[in-house]
Amino acid sequence: MFSLILHGKKSIELQKWRNSRILVKLFQNASSDFSSSSSSVIAHVSPPQDLLKGKTFTVSYLVDSLGFTTKLAESISRKVISEGKGNPDSVLSLLKSFREKFEESLKKVVEMGFDPTTSRFVDALRTVYALKEETIEEKVNVYREIGLSVGDVWEMFKKFPVSLTFSEKKITQKFETLKKCGLVEDEICSVFKRYPPCIGLSAENVKNKTEFLVKKMNWPVKSLISNPAVLGLSMEKRTVPRCNVIKALMSKGLLGEEGSELPRMQSVLVCTDEDFLKRYVRNLDDDQLVAELMSILNWRAEKNR
């Protein structure tokens, strides 16, 4: 029934995925997303009580014939029984249509080359299932209007499938926010391409983080453009505490050849806690200073317990 589809350098037969454990898991994950949108419709086309004496028939049908999870089948069955009226054939036809749409979406996502073993595959599946072709075209056009190409949007989707679900307001609002922070169009587009999740952040969040990094810490805008993922970091848990440690070291002339040289943004924020400690704290000979710096970082830990 399914043709062979190229997935990267491998040829995958979709029928095999349909019967695999991986697909079962993916279907379980994705089912919960589209069940909520379908439930309101299902509730209005419920079969009569003589067909559903209890919920055994419906649950068995949904699980055995359509492949729904038991949990989802029971949820749908309760909604169907609650009305106690309607045509059972209509209900079953509707449920089959959901399954067909899911399989069609699944086929598209596999063709796109997403790895079925990753959560990104599930995100792409949810996005493709939820959006109509017209809606996707509209979102692509919104991105094009701010300077991104169709190829750019595709690359963003591969990195972060949810990028196609953002509203026009959220996309343009984030563009204008970064523009007010001093970035030009090409720079903003670069940030979006490198770190699509930033589009989903609030305007205030992006503004506060950008101003802190560029104005208070004096990192150049190009550092932010090269490391846009820092916009997704917690100010309270990571950015501010680490930057306070850097400020303390600079005030004592302990950084760089001149003593007060600001390190690269990446070396301060885009590293694990352990690497940060090794790089800026544990290599110091002054035990009192080490304790002082640790207190800055421990304050963060205590505050967030």
C-alpha atoms as a PDB file:
ATOM      1  CA  MET A   1       0.000   0.000   0.000  1.00  0.00           C
ATOM      2  CA  PHE A   2       2.869   2.361   0.711  1.00  0.00           C
ATOM      3  CA  SER A   3       5.696   3.149  -1.681  1.00  0.00           C
ATOM      4  CA  LEU A   4       9.361   3.161  -0.767  1.00  0.00           C
ATOM      5  CA  ILE A   5      10.448   6.537   0.600  1.00  0.00           C
ATOM      6  CA  LEU A   6      13.960   7.894   0.751  1.00  0.00           C
ATOM      7  CA  HIS A   7      15.036   8.844   4.265  1.00  0.00           C
ATOM      8  CA  GLY A   8      18.493  10.416   4.087  1.00  0.00           C
ATOM      9  CA  LYS A   9      20.696   7.750   2.469  1.00  0.00           C
ATOM     10  CA  LYS A  10      18.428   4.899   3.558  1.00  0.00           C
ATOM     11  CA  SER A  11      15.365   3.496   1.793  1.00  0.00           C
ATOM     12  CA  ILE A  12      12.509   2.957   4.221  1.00  0.00           C
ATOM     13  CA  GLU A  13       9.295   1.084   3.539  1.00  0.00           C
ATOM     14  CA  LEU A  14       6.507   2.973   5.300  1.00  0.00           C
ATOM     15  CA  GLN A  15       4.473  -0.217   5.774  1.00  0.00           C
ATOM     16  CA  LYS A  16       7.241  -1.508   8.049  1.00  0.00           C
ATOM     17  CA  TRP A  17       7.144   1.665  10.123  1.00  0.00           C
ATOM     18  CA  ARG A  18       3.406   1.242  10.467  1.00  0.00           C
ATOM     19  CA  ASN A  19       3.867  -2.068  12.252  1.00  0.00           C
ATOM     20  CA  SER A  20       7.010  -1.172  14.189  1.00  0.00           C
ATOM     21  CA  ARG A  21       7.315  -0.385  17.891  1.00  0.00           C
ATOM     22  CA  ILE A  22       8.645   3.043  17.018  1.00  0.00           C
ATOM     23  CA  LEU A  23       5.520   3.937  15.057  1.00  0.00           C
ATOM     24  CA  VAL A  24       3.294   2.626  17.840  1.00  0.00           C
ATOM     25  CA  LYS A  25       5.084   4.924  20.273  1.00  0.00           C
ATOM     26  CA  LEU A  26       4.869   7.868  17.879  1.00  0.00           C
ATOM     27  CA  PHE A  27       1.175   7.255  17.341  1.00  0.00           C
ATOM     28  CA  GLN A  28       0.599   7.169  21.088  1.00  0.00           C
ATOM     29  CA  ASN A  29       2.394  10.483  21.528  1.00  0.00           C
ATOM     30  CA  ALA A  30       0.724  12.210  18.623  1.00  0.00           C
ATOM     31  CA  SER A  31      -2.740  10.832  19.333  1.00  0.00           C
ATOM     32  CA  SER A  32      -3.075  12.882  22.489  1.00  0.00           C
ATOM     33  CA  ASP A  33      -2.524  16.056  20.458  1.00  0.00           C
ATOM     34  CA  PHE A  34      -5.231  15.493  17.876  1.00  0.00           C
ATOM     35  CA  SER A  35      -7.683  13.834  20.268  1.00  0.00           C
ATOM     36  CA  SER A  36      -8.563  17.130  21.924  1.00  0.00           C
ATOM     37  CA  SER A  37      -9.335  18.785  18.588  1.00  0.00           C
ATOM     38  CA  SER A  38     -11.492  15.890  17.430  1.00  0.00           C
ATOM     39  CA  SER A  39     -13.349  15.245  20.667  1.00  0.00           C
ATOM     40  CA  SER A  40     -15.696  18.199  20.310  1.00  0.00           C
ATOM     41  CA  VAL A  41     -16.795  16.926  16.895  1.00  0.00           C
ATOM     42  CA  ILE A  42     -17.134  13.330  18.006  1.00  0.00           C
ATOM     43  CA  ALA A  43     -19.295  14.337  20.945  1.00  0.00           C
ATOM     44  CA  HIS A  44     -21.974  15.578  18.520  1.00  0.00           C
ATOM     45  CA  VAL A  45     -22.193  12.432  16.380  1.00  0.00           C
ATOM     46  CA  SER A  46     -22.584   9.670  18.941  1.00  0.00           C
ATOM     47  CA  PRO A  47     -24.043   6.193  18.238  1.00  0.00           C
ATOM     48  CA  PRO A  48     -27.131   5.003  20.141  1.00  0.00           C
ATOM     49  CA  GLN A  49     -27.049   3.069  23.378  1.00  0.00           C
ATOM     50  CA  ASP A  50     -28.104  -0.231  21.776  1.00  0.00           C
ATOM     51  CA  LEU A  51     -24.757  -0.341  19.968  1.00  0.00           C
ATOM     52  CA  LEU A  52     -22.777   0.870  22.937  1.00  0.00           C
ATOM     53  CA  LYS A  53     -24.074  -0.993  25.971  1.00  0.00           C
ATOM     54  CA  GLY A  54     -21.172   0.085  28.101  1.00  0.00           C
ATOM     55  CA  LYS A  55     -18.128   1.147  26.148  1.00  0.00           C
ATOM     56  CA  THR A  56     -16.649  -2.236  25.267  1.00  0.00           C
ATOM     57  CA  PHE A  57     -17.567  -2.201  21.575  1.00  0.00           C
ATOM     58  CA  THR A  58     -16.250   1.267  20.831  1.00  0.00           C
ATOM     59  CA  VAL A  59     -13.020   0.792  22.762  1.00  0.00           C
ATOM     60  CA  SER A  60     -12.352  -2.566  21.098  1.00  0.00           C
ATOM     61  CA  TYR A  61     -13.040  -1.145  17.652  1.00  0.00           C
ATOM     62  CA  LEU A  62     -10.833   1.893  18.136  1.00  0.00           C
ATOM     63  CA  VAL A  63      -7.953  -0.179  19.495  1.00  0.00           C
ATOM     64  CA  ASP A  64      -8.147  -3.274  17.269  1.00  0.00           C
ATOM     65  CA  SER A  65      -9.285  -1.754  13.985  1.00  0.00           C
ATOM     66  CA  LEU A  66      -7.978   1.793  14.036  1.00  0.00           C
ATOM     67  CA  GLY A  67      -4.893   1.402  16.202  1.00  0.00           C
ATOM     68  CA  PHE A  68      -5.784   3.966  18.866  1.00  0.00           C
ATOM     69  CA  THR A  69      -4.288   3.610  22.317  1.00  0.00           C
ATOM     70  CA  THR A  70      -6.574   2.184  25.003  1.00  0.00           C
ATOM     71  CA  LYS A  71      -6.439   5.431  26.953  1.00  0.00           C
ATOM     72  CA  LEU A  72      -7.445   7.527  23.948  1.00  0.00           C
ATOM     73  CA  ALA A  73     -10.127   5.013  22.911  1.00  0.00           C
ATOM     74  CA  GLU A  74     -11.708   5.109  26.363  1.00  0.00           C
ATOM     75  CA  SER A  75     -11.679   8.898  26.336  1.00  0.00           C
ATOM     76  CA  ILE A  76     -13.430   9.039  22.956  1.00  0.00           C
ATOM     77  CA  SER A  77     -15.892   6.328  24.006  1.00  0.00           C
ATOM     78  CA  ARG A  78     -16.977   8.319  27.061  1.00  0.00           C
ATOM     79  CA  LYS A  79     -17.676  11.348  24.887  1.00  0.00           C
ATOM     80  CA  VAL A  80     -19.603   9.243  22.384  1.00  0.00           C
ATOM     81  CA  ILE A  81     -21.776   7.575  25.023  1.00  0.00           C
ATOM     82  CA  SER A  82     -22.464  10.834  26.850  1.00  0.00           C
ATOM     83  CA  GLU A  83     -24.785  12.081  24.063  1.00  0.00           C
ATOM     84  CA  GLY A  84     -26.617   8.811  23.477  1.00  0.00           C
ATOM     85  CA  LYS A  85     -27.758   9.733  19.975  1.00  0.00           C
ATOM     86  CA  GLY A  86     -26.521   9.854  16.406  1.00  0.00           C
ATOM     87  CA  ASN A  87     -25.496   7.462  13.643  1.00  0.00           C
ATOM     88  CA  PRO A  88     -22.791   4.910  14.593  1.00  0.00           C
ATOM     89  CA  ASP A  89     -21.652   4.641  10.961  1.00  0.00           C
ATOM     90  CA  SER A  90     -20.998   8.382  10.922  1.00  0.00           C
ATOM     91  CA  VAL A  91     -18.929   8.099  14.071  1.00  0.00           C
ATOM     92  CA  LEU A  92     -16.822   5.243  12.723  1.00  0.00           C
ATOM     93  CA  SER A  93     -16.368   7.035   9.404  1.00  0.00           C
ATOM     94  CA  LEU A  94     -15.195  10.131  11.230  1.00  0.00           C
ATOM     95  CA  LEU A  95     -12.727   8.162  13.327  1.00  0.00           C
ATOM     96  CA  LYS A  96     -11.347   6.466  10.223  1.00  0.00           C
ATOM     97  CA  SER A  97     -10.797   9.858   8.618  1.00  0.00           C
ATOM     98  CA  PHE A  98      -8.636  10.898  11.576  1.00  0.00           C
ATOM     99  CA  ARG A  99      -6.550   7.754  11.151  1.00  0.00           C
ATOM    100  CA  GLU A 100      -6.180   8.373   7.406  1.00  0.00           C
ATOM    101  CA  LYS A 101      -5.093  11.954   7.984  1.00  0.00           C
ATOM    102  CA  PHE A 102      -2.579  10.782  10.565  1.00  0.00           C
ATOM    103  CA  GLU A 103      -1.076   8.234   8.164  1.00  0.00           C
ATOM    104  CA  GLU A 104      -0.910  10.834   5.396  1.00  0.00           C
ATOM    105  CA  SER A 105       0.888  13.231   7.744  1.00  0.00           C
ATOM    106  CA  LEU A 106       3.218  10.453   8.839  1.00  0.00           C
ATOM    107  CA  LYS A 107       4.141   9.713   5.238  1.00  0.00           C
ATOM    108  CA  LYS A 108       4.944  13.375   4.578  1.00  0.00           C
ATOM    109  CA  VAL A 109       7.191  13.664   7.621  1.00  0.00           C
ATOM    110  CA  VAL A 110       9.117  10.503   6.729  1.00  0.00           C
ATOM    111  CA  GLU A 111       9.597  11.875   3.202  1.00  0.00           C
ATOM    112  CA  MET A 112      11.002  15.070   4.708  1.00  0.00           C
ATOM    113  CA  GLY A 113      13.856  13.049   6.198  1.00  0.00           C
ATOM    114  CA  PHE A 114      13.159  13.391   9.919  1.00  0.00           C
ATOM    115  CA  ASP A 115      14.640  10.662  12.107  1.00  0.00           C
ATOM    116  CA  PRO A 116      11.676   8.616  13.446  1.00  0.00           C
ATOM    117  CA  THR A 117      13.551   7.856  16.671  1.00  0.00           C
ATOM    118  CA  THR A 118      13.725  11.513  17.762  1.00  0.00           C
ATOM    119  CA  SER A 119      11.315  13.865  19.501  1.00  0.00           C
ATOM    120  CA  ARG A 120      11.801  16.290  16.602  1.00  0.00           C
ATOM    121  CA  PHE A 121      10.065  13.744  14.366  1.00  0.00           C
ATOM    122  CA  VAL A 122       7.056  13.782  16.682  1.00  0.00           C
ATOM    123  CA  ASP A 123       7.028  17.602  16.705  1.00  0.00           C
ATOM    124  CA  ALA A 124       7.087  17.632  12.902  1.00  0.00           C
ATOM    125  CA  LEU A 125       4.302  15.053  12.786  1.00  0.00           C
ATOM    126  CA  ARG A 126       2.136  17.076  15.147  1.00  0.00           C
ATOM    127  CA  THR A 127       2.739  20.238  13.127  1.00  0.00           C
ATOM    128  CA  VAL A 128       2.015  18.679   9.733  1.00  0.00           C
ATOM    129  CA  TYR A 129      -1.094  16.980  11.111  1.00  0.00           C
ATOM    130  CA  ALA A 130      -2.442  20.178  12.663  1.00  0.00           C
ATOM    131  CA  LEU A 131      -1.830  22.609   9.796  1.00  0.00           C
ATOM    132  CA  LYS A 132      -3.569  22.811   6.433  1.00  0.00           C
ATOM    133  CA  GLU A 133      -1.495  23.410   3.310  1.00  0.00           C
ATOM    134  CA  GLU A 134      -2.995  26.896   3.025  1.00  0.00           C
ATOM    135  CA  THR A 135      -1.996  27.705   6.596  1.00  0.00           C
ATOM    136  CA  ILE A 136       1.570  26.556   5.997  1.00  0.00           C
ATOM    137  CA  GLU A 137       1.783  28.760   2.898  1.00  0.00           C
ATOM    138  CA  GLU A 138       0.507  31.723   4.909  1.00  0.00           C
ATOM    139  CA  LYS A 139       3.167  31.177   7.590  1.00  0.00           C
ATOM    140  CA  VAL A 140       5.897  30.870   4.968  1.00  0.00           C
ATOM    141  CA  ASN A 141       4.763  34.154   3.417  1.00  0.00           C
ATOM    142  CA  VAL A 142       4.936  35.882   6.807  1.00  0.00           C
ATOM    143  CA  TYR A 143       8.555  34.780   7.177  1.00  0.00           C
ATOM    144  CA  ARG A 144       9.308  35.874   3.619  1.00  0.00           C
ATOM    145  CA  GLU A 145       7.945  39.347   4.336  1.00  0.00           C
ATOM    146  CA  ILE A 146      10.558  39.877   7.059  1.00  0.00           C
ATOM    147  CA  GLY A 147      13.416  38.795   4.802  1.00  0.00           C
ATOM    148  CA  LEU A 148      13.665  35.009   5.052  1.00  0.00           C
ATOM    149  CA  SER A 149      13.675  32.810   1.968  1.00  0.00           C
ATOM    150  CA  VAL A 150      11.608  29.656   1.509  1.00  0.00           C
ATOM    151  CA  GLY A 151      14.840  27.714   1.988  1.00  0.00           C
ATOM    152  CA  ASP A 152      15.459  29.513   5.272  1.00  0.00           C
ATOM    153  CA  VAL A 153      11.979  28.611   6.509  1.00  0.00           C
ATOM    154  CA  TRP A 154      12.573  24.982   5.556  1.00  0.00           C
ATOM    155  CA  GLU A 155      15.850  24.922   7.493  1.00  0.00           C
ATOM    156  CA  MET A 156      14.081  26.456  10.499  1.00  0.00           C
ATOM    157  CA  PHE A 157      11.359  23.824  10.286  1.00  0.00           C
ATOM    158  CA  LYS A 158      13.944  21.021  10.254  1.00  0.00           C
ATOM    159  CA  LYS A 159      15.591  22.456  13.362  1.00  0.00           C
ATOM    160  CA  PHE A 160      12.387  23.377  15.165  1.00  0.00           C
ATOM    161  CA  PRO A 161       9.147  22.145  13.539  1.00  0.00           C
ATOM    162  CA  VAL A 162       7.046  24.271  15.883  1.00  0.00           C
ATOM    163  CA  SER A 163       8.340  27.361  14.037  1.00  0.00           C
ATOM    164  CA  LEU A 164       5.488  26.950  11.543  1.00  0.00           C
ATOM    165  CA  THR A 165       2.868  27.140  14.285  1.00  0.00           C
ATOM    166  CA  PHE A 166       3.781  30.631  15.500  1.00  0.00           C
ATOM    167  CA  SER A 167       1.213  33.330  14.760  1.00  0.00           C
ATOM    168  CA  GLU A 168       1.926  36.224  12.425  1.00  0.00           C
ATOM    169  CA  LYS A 169       1.694  38.555  15.416  1.00  0.00           C
ATOM    170  CA  LYS A 170       4.328  36.634  17.366  1.00  0.00           C
ATOM    171  CA  ILE A 171       6.714  36.477  14.406  1.00  0.00           C
ATOM    172  CA  THR A 172       6.485  40.169  13.523  1.00  0.00           C
ATOM    173  CA  GLN A 173       6.502  41.201  17.180  1.00  0.00           C
ATOM    174  CA  LYS A 174       9.793  39.398  17.787  1.00  0.00           C
ATOM    175  CA  PHE A 175      11.233  40.900  14.622  1.00  0.00           C
ATOM    176  CA  GLU A 176      10.325  44.431  15.750  1.00  0.00           C
ATOM    177  CA  THR A 177      11.610  43.790  19.280  1.00  0.00           C
ATOM    178  CA  LEU A 178      15.062  42.779  18.056  1.00  0.00           C
ATOM    179  CA  LYS A 179      15.054  45.685  15.632  1.00  0.00           C
ATOM    180  CA  LYS A 180      14.447  48.105  18.506  1.00  0.00           C
ATOM    181  CA  CYS A 181      17.351  46.458  20.340  1.00  0.00           C
ATOM    182  CA  GLY A 182      19.686  47.539  17.548  1.00  0.00           C
ATOM    183  CA  LEU A 183      19.720  44.554  15.181  1.00  0.00           C
ATOM    184  CA  VAL A 184      19.200  45.075  11.461  1.00  0.00           C
ATOM    185  CA  GLU A 185      17.061  42.863   9.220  1.00  0.00           C
ATOM    186  CA  ASP A 186      19.816  40.469   8.130  1.00  0.00           C
ATOM    187  CA  GLU A 187      20.967  40.027  11.729  1.00  0.00           C
ATOM    188  CA  ILE A 188      17.454  39.295  12.957  1.00  0.00           C
ATOM    189  CA  CYS A 189      16.935  36.753  10.193  1.00  0.00           C
ATOM    190  CA  SER A 190      20.211  35.122  11.196  1.00  0.00           C
ATOM    191  CA  VAL A 191      19.027  34.876  14.808  1.00  0.00           C
ATOM    192  CA  PHE A 192      15.735  33.314  13.697  1.00  0.00           C
ATOM    193  CA  LYS A 193      17.512  30.781  11.479  1.00  0.00           C
ATOM    194  CA  ARG A 194      20.054  29.811  14.116  1.00  0.00           C
ATOM    195  CA  TYR A 195      17.612  29.675  17.017  1.00  0.00           C
ATOM    196  CA  PRO A 196      13.939  29.461  15.908  1.00  0.00           C
ATOM    197  CA  PRO A 197      12.630  28.901  19.488  1.00  0.00           C
ATOM    198  CA  CYS A 198      13.363  32.568  20.258  1.00  0.00           C
ATOM    199  CA  ILE A 199      10.322  33.485  18.171  1.00  0.00           C
ATOM    200  CA  GLY A 200       8.125  31.803  20.751  1.00  0.00           C
ATOM    201  CA  LEU A 201       9.514  33.857  23.639  1.00  0.00           C
ATOM    202  CA  SER A 202       7.672  36.930  24.881  1.00  0.00           C
ATOM    203  CA  ALA A 203       8.754  40.316  23.529  1.00  0.00           C
ATOM    204  CA  GLU A 204       9.646  41.472  27.034  1.00  0.00           C
ATOM    205  CA  ASN A 205      11.743  38.369  27.628  1.00  0.00           C
ATOM    206  CA  VAL A 206      13.754  38.905  24.437  1.00  0.00           C
ATOM    207  CA  LYS A 207      14.118  42.629  25.103  1.00  0.00           C
ATOM    208  CA  ASN A 208      15.359  42.174  28.685  1.00  0.00           C
ATOM    209  CA  LYS A 209      17.870  39.486  27.754  1.00  0.00           C
ATOM    210  CA  THR A 210      19.203  41.351  24.733  1.00  0.00           C
ATOM    211  CA  GLU A 211      19.628  44.614  26.645  1.00  0.00           C
ATOM    212  CA  PHE A 212      21.331  42.850  29.541  1.00  0.00           C
ATOM    213  CA  LEU A 213      23.839  41.065  27.318  1.00  0.00           C
ATOM    214  CA  VAL A 214      24.577  43.969  24.978  1.00  0.00           C
ATOM    215  CA  LYS A 215      24.204  47.038  27.198  1.00  0.00           C
ATOM    216  CA  LYS A 216      25.030  45.846  30.709  1.00  0.00           C
ATOM    217  CA  MET A 217      27.619  43.208  29.849  1.00  0.00           C
ATOM    218  CA  ASN A 218      28.952  45.069  26.783  1.00  0.00           C
ATOM    219  CA  TRP A 219      29.090  42.045  24.528  1.00  0.00           C
ATOM    220  CA  PRO A 220      28.897  43.081  20.859  1.00  0.00           C
ATOM    221  CA  VAL A 221      25.676  42.402  18.969  1.00  0.00           C
ATOM    222  CA  LYS A 222      27.584  40.005  16.710  1.00  0.00           C
ATOM    223  CA  SER A 223      28.181  37.768  19.745  1.00  0.00           C
ATOM    224  CA  LEU A 224      24.441  37.494  20.263  1.00  0.00           C
ATOM    225  CA  ILE A 225      23.926  36.764  16.580  1.00  0.00           C
ATOM    226  CA  SER A 226      26.553  34.003  16.732  1.00  0.00           C
ATOM    227  CA  ASN A 227      25.080  32.530  19.922  1.00  0.00           C
ATOM    228  CA  PRO A 228      21.315  33.209  19.769  1.00  0.00           C
ATOM    229  CA  ALA A 229      20.575  30.185  21.955  1.00  0.00           C
ATOM    230  CA  VAL A 230      21.511  32.364  24.952  1.00  0.00           C
ATOM    231  CA  LEU A 231      18.102  33.986  24.504  1.00  0.00           C
ATOM    232  CA  GLY A 232      16.594  30.714  25.660  1.00  0.00           C
ATOM    233  CA  LEU A 233      18.626  30.568  28.874  1.00  0.00           C
ATOM    234  CA  SER A 234      17.165  31.488  32.246  1.00  0.00           C
ATOM    235  CA  MET A 235      18.296  34.909  33.420  1.00  0.00           C
ATOM    236  CA  GLU A 236      17.848  33.977  37.057  1.00  0.00           C
ATOM    237  CA  LYS A 237      19.322  30.489  36.976  1.00  0.00           C
ATOM    238  CA  ARG A 238      22.242  30.942  34.587  1.00  0.00           C
ATOM    239  CA  THR A 239      22.843  34.244  32.820  1.00  0.00           C
ATOM    240  CA  VAL A 240      22.860  36.699  35.739  1.00  0.00           C
ATOM    241  CA  PRO A 241      24.789  34.517  38.255  1.00  0.00           C
ATOM    242  CA  ARG A 242      27.512  33.649  35.748  1.00  0.00           C
ATOM    243  CA  CYS A 243      27.791  37.236  34.564  1.00  0.00           C
ATOM    244  CA  ASN A 244      28.102  38.392  38.175  1.00  0.00           C
ATOM    245  CA  VAL A 245      31.041  36.020  38.597  1.00  0.00           C
ATOM    246  CA  ILE A 246      32.651  37.479  35.476  1.00  0.00           C
ATOM    247  CA  LYS A 247      32.104  41.027  36.741  1.00  0.00           C
ATOM    248  CA  ALA A 248      33.720  40.136  40.066  1.00  0.00           C
ATOM    249  CA  LEU A 249      36.778  38.684  38.325  1.00  0.00           C
ATOM    250  CA  MET A 250      37.079  41.679  36.005  1.00  0.00           C
ATOM    251  CA  SER A 251      36.858  44.118  38.921  1.00  0.00           C
ATOM    252  CA  LYS A 252      39.835  42.351  40.493  1.00  0.00           C
ATOM    253  CA  GLY A 253      41.832  42.350  37.262  1.00  0.00           C
ATOM    254  CA  LEU A 254      41.837  38.581  36.931  1.00  0.00           C
ATOM    255  CA  LEU A 255      40.568  38.108  33.391  1.00  0.00           C
ATOM    256  CA  GLY A 256      42.599  38.239  30.185  1.00  0.00           C
ATOM    257  CA  GLU A 257      46.017  39.712  29.555  1.00  0.00           C
ATOM    258  CA  GLU A 258      44.950  43.142  30.759  1.00  0.00           C
ATOM    259  CA  GLY A 259      43.103  41.748  33.750  1.00  0.00           C
ATOM    260  CA  SER A 260      39.683  43.110  32.879  1.00  0.00           C
ATOM    261  CA  GLU A 261      39.100  41.578  29.491  1.00  0.00           C
ATOM    262  CA  LEU A 262      35.523  40.433  28.873  1.00  0.00           C
ATOM    263  CA  PRO A 263      35.510  36.743  27.849  1.00  0.00           C
ATOM    264  CA  ARG A 264      33.610  35.543  24.820  1.00  0.00           C
ATOM    265  CA  MET A 265      29.885  35.121  25.406  1.00  0.00           C
ATOM    266  CA  GLN A 266      30.058  31.500  24.344  1.00  0.00           C
ATOM    267  CA  SER A 267      32.702  30.609  26.930  1.00  0.00           C
ATOM    268  CA  VAL A 268      30.617  32.140  29.709  1.00  0.00           C
ATOM    269  CA  LEU A 269      27.062  31.100  28.914  1.00  0.00           C
ATOM    270  CA  VAL A 270      27.162  28.250  26.409  1.00  0.00           C
ATOM    271  CA  CYS A 271      28.849  25.646  28.589  1.00  0.00           C
ATOM    272  CA  THR A 272      27.959  23.288  31.422  1.00  0.00           C
ATOM    273  CA  ASP A 273      28.141  24.340  35.069  1.00  0.00           C
ATOM    274  CA  GLU A 274      31.140  22.079  35.539  1.00  0.00           C
ATOM    275  CA  ASP A 275      33.039  23.636  32.631  1.00  0.00           C
ATOM    276  CA  PHE A 276      32.215  27.126  33.862  1.00  0.00           C
ATOM    277  CA  LEU A 277      33.556  26.341  37.344  1.00  0.00           C
ATOM    278  CA  LYS A 278      36.753  24.841  35.950  1.00  0.00           C
ATOM    279  CA  ARG A 279      37.304  27.795  33.660  1.00  0.00           C
ATOM    280  CA  TYR A 280      36.578  30.690  36.002  1.00  0.00           C
ATOM    281  CA  VAL A 281      36.452  29.544  39.627  1.00  0.00           C
ATOM    282  CA  ARG A 282      38.359  26.408  40.565  1.00  0.00           C
ATOM    283  CA  ASN A 283      41.564  27.517  38.861  1.00  0.00           C
ATOM    284  CA  LEU A 284      42.013  30.408  41.320  1.00  0.00           C
ATOM    285  CA  ASP A 285      44.583  30.273  44.140  1.00  0.00           C
ATOM    286  CA  ASP A 286      42.662  32.616  46.436  1.00  0.00           C
ATOM    287  CA  ASP A 287      40.415  30.428  48.608  1.00  0.00           C
ATOM    288  CA  GLN A 288      38.509  33.412  49.924  1.00  0.00           C
ATOM    289  CA  LEU A 289      37.724  34.595  46.400  1.00  0.00           C
ATOM    290  CA  VAL A 290      36.679  31.097  45.381  1.00  0.00           C
ATOM    291  CA  ALA A 291      34.269  31.039  48.315  1.00  0.00           C
ATOM    292  CA  GLU A 292      32.940  34.449  47.308  1.00  0.00           C
ATOM    293  CA  LEU A 293      32.335  33.366  43.730  1.00  0.00           C
ATOM    294  CA  MET A 294      30.760  30.103  44.825  1.00  0.00           C
ATOM    295  CA  SER A 295      28.396  32.040  47.062  1.00  0.00           C
ATOM    296  CA  ILE A 296      27.203  33.958  44.004  1.00  0.00           C
ATOM    297  CA  LEU A 297      26.429  30.712  42.205  1.00  0.00           C
ATOM    298  CA  ASN A 298      25.060  28.999  45.308  1.00  0.00           C
ATOM    299  CA  TRP A 299      22.744  31.962  45.832  1.00  0.00           C
ATOM    300  CA  ARG A 300      21.199  30.989  42.540  1.00  0.00           C
ATOM    301  CA  ALA A 301      20.779  27.391  43.691  1.00  0.00           C
ATOM    302  CA  GLU A 302      19.333  28.370  47.075  1.00  0.00           C
ATOM    303  CA  LYS A 303      16.937  30.854  45.508  1.00  0.00           C
ATOM    304  CA  ASN A 304      15.551  28.240  43.148  1.00  0.00           C
ATOM    305  CA  ARG A 305      15.073  25.383  45.586  1.00  0.00           C
END
